[in-house]
Amino acid sequence: MVNRTDQDHTRHVGDRTAPATTPNKQSIREDRKDLDAEHKPDRAPTAEEEAIADRHGEVAEDVASAYKEALERGASQKGEGRPGV
């Protein structure tokens, strides 16, 4: 049996069936290179975006707590879907 590295089973997408996929060597190489790459924002926020953020003020305590809990829970995750570091 082939050791698949992506979707190892077919899945339904809308009204069609998507086949199992195996990334090629170039895709795997690029993914591994991106793992260690520095990830930065593509641009600084605009003055309008900063004003909107300032207008909303502080985040509610329960929202901040839920966000922190989710990050802590995800910190020990392995593989795809792991929160960015």
Protein backbone atom coordinates (compact mmCIF):
# COMPACT_ATOMS: atom_id res chain seq x y z
CA MET A 1 0.00 0.00 0.00
CA VAL A 2 1.18 3.51 -0.76
CA ASN A 3 2.09 5.65 2.24
CA ARG A 4 0.10 8.79 1.52
CA THR A 5 1.12 12.04 3.18
CA ASP A 6 -1.94 14.20 2.62
CA GLN A 7 -5.51 12.93 2.21
CA ASP A 8 -5.38 9.16 2.45
CA HIS A 9 -9.03 8.63 1.58
CA THR A 10 -11.54 10.01 -0.87
CA ARG A 11 -13.87 12.69 0.43
CA HIS A 12 -17.04 14.38 -0.73
CA VAL A 13 -16.71 18.00 -1.80
CA GLY A 14 -20.05 19.47 -2.71
CA ASP A 15 -21.58 17.25 -5.37
CA ARG A 16 -18.36 15.51 -6.39
CA THR A 17 -15.85 13.10 -4.87
CA ALA A 18 -12.28 14.32 -4.41
CA PRO A 19 -9.67 11.57 -4.77
CA ALA A 20 -6.99 10.73 -2.24
CA THR A 21 -3.89 12.85 -2.90
CA THR A 22 -0.18 12.46 -2.42
CA PRO A 23 1.96 15.60 -2.71
CA ASN A 24 4.95 15.42 -5.03
CA LYS A 25 8.54 15.78 -3.78
CA GLN A 26 8.73 19.45 -4.75
CA SER A 27 5.59 20.26 -2.70
CA ILE A 28 6.97 18.41 0.30
CA ARG A 29 10.33 20.25 -0.03
CA GLU A 30 8.56 23.64 -0.18
CA ASP A 31 6.39 22.80 2.84
CA ARG A 32 9.44 21.85 4.89
CA LYS A 33 11.25 25.02 3.84
CA ASP A 34 8.26 27.12 4.93
CA LEU A 35 8.21 25.43 8.33
CA ASP A 36 11.39 27.24 9.38
CA ALA A 37 10.80 30.47 7.47
CA GLU A 38 10.23 33.69 9.36
CA HIS A 39 6.58 34.69 9.08
CA LYS A 40 5.90 38.40 9.14
CA PRO A 41 2.92 40.56 8.21
CA ASP A 42 2.97 41.70 4.61
CA ARG A 43 2.45 45.32 5.62
CA ALA A 44 1.92 47.62 8.58
CA PRO A 45 -1.68 48.46 9.52
CA THR A 46 -3.14 51.55 7.89
CA ALA A 47 -4.15 54.54 9.98
CA GLU A 48 -7.79 53.58 9.38
CA GLU A 49 -7.20 50.02 10.61
CA GLU A 50 -5.45 51.29 13.75
CA ALA A 51 -8.32 53.70 14.43
CA ILE A 52 -10.85 50.88 14.16
CA ALA A 53 -8.82 48.73 16.55
CA ASP A 54 -8.54 51.60 19.03
CA ARG A 55 -12.28 52.25 18.81
CA HIS A 56 -13.07 48.73 19.92
CA GLY A 57 -10.96 49.04 23.06
CA GLU A 58 -10.14 46.15 25.35
CA VAL A 59 -11.24 42.59 24.68
CA ALA A 60 -13.83 41.18 27.09
CA GLU A 61 -12.26 39.06 29.85
CA ASP A 62 -14.16 35.89 28.87
CA VAL A 63 -13.07 36.26 25.24
CA ALA A 64 -9.44 36.78 26.25
CA SER A 65 -9.63 33.78 28.57
CA ALA A 66 -11.11 31.53 25.86
CA TYR A 67 -8.43 32.68 23.39
CA LYS A 68 -5.65 31.96 25.89
CA GLU A 69 -7.12 28.54 26.69
CA ALA A 70 -7.32 27.64 23.00
CA LEU A 71 -3.70 28.63 22.43
CA GLU A 72 -2.54 26.63 25.44
CA ARG A 73 -4.53 23.61 24.31
CA GLY A 74 -3.09 23.88 20.82
CA ALA A 75 0.50 24.46 21.92
CA SER A 76 1.17 20.75 22.32
CA GLN A 77 -0.54 19.78 19.06
CA LYS A 78 1.55 18.03 16.47
CA GLY A 79 1.14 18.12 12.72
CA GLU A 80 -1.24 19.99 10.47
CA GLY A 81 -3.65 22.43 12.06
CA ARG A 82 -1.20 23.50 14.75
CA PRO A 83 -1.46 27.16 15.76
CA GLY A 84 1.28 29.34 14.26
CA VAL A 85 4.37 29.93 16.34
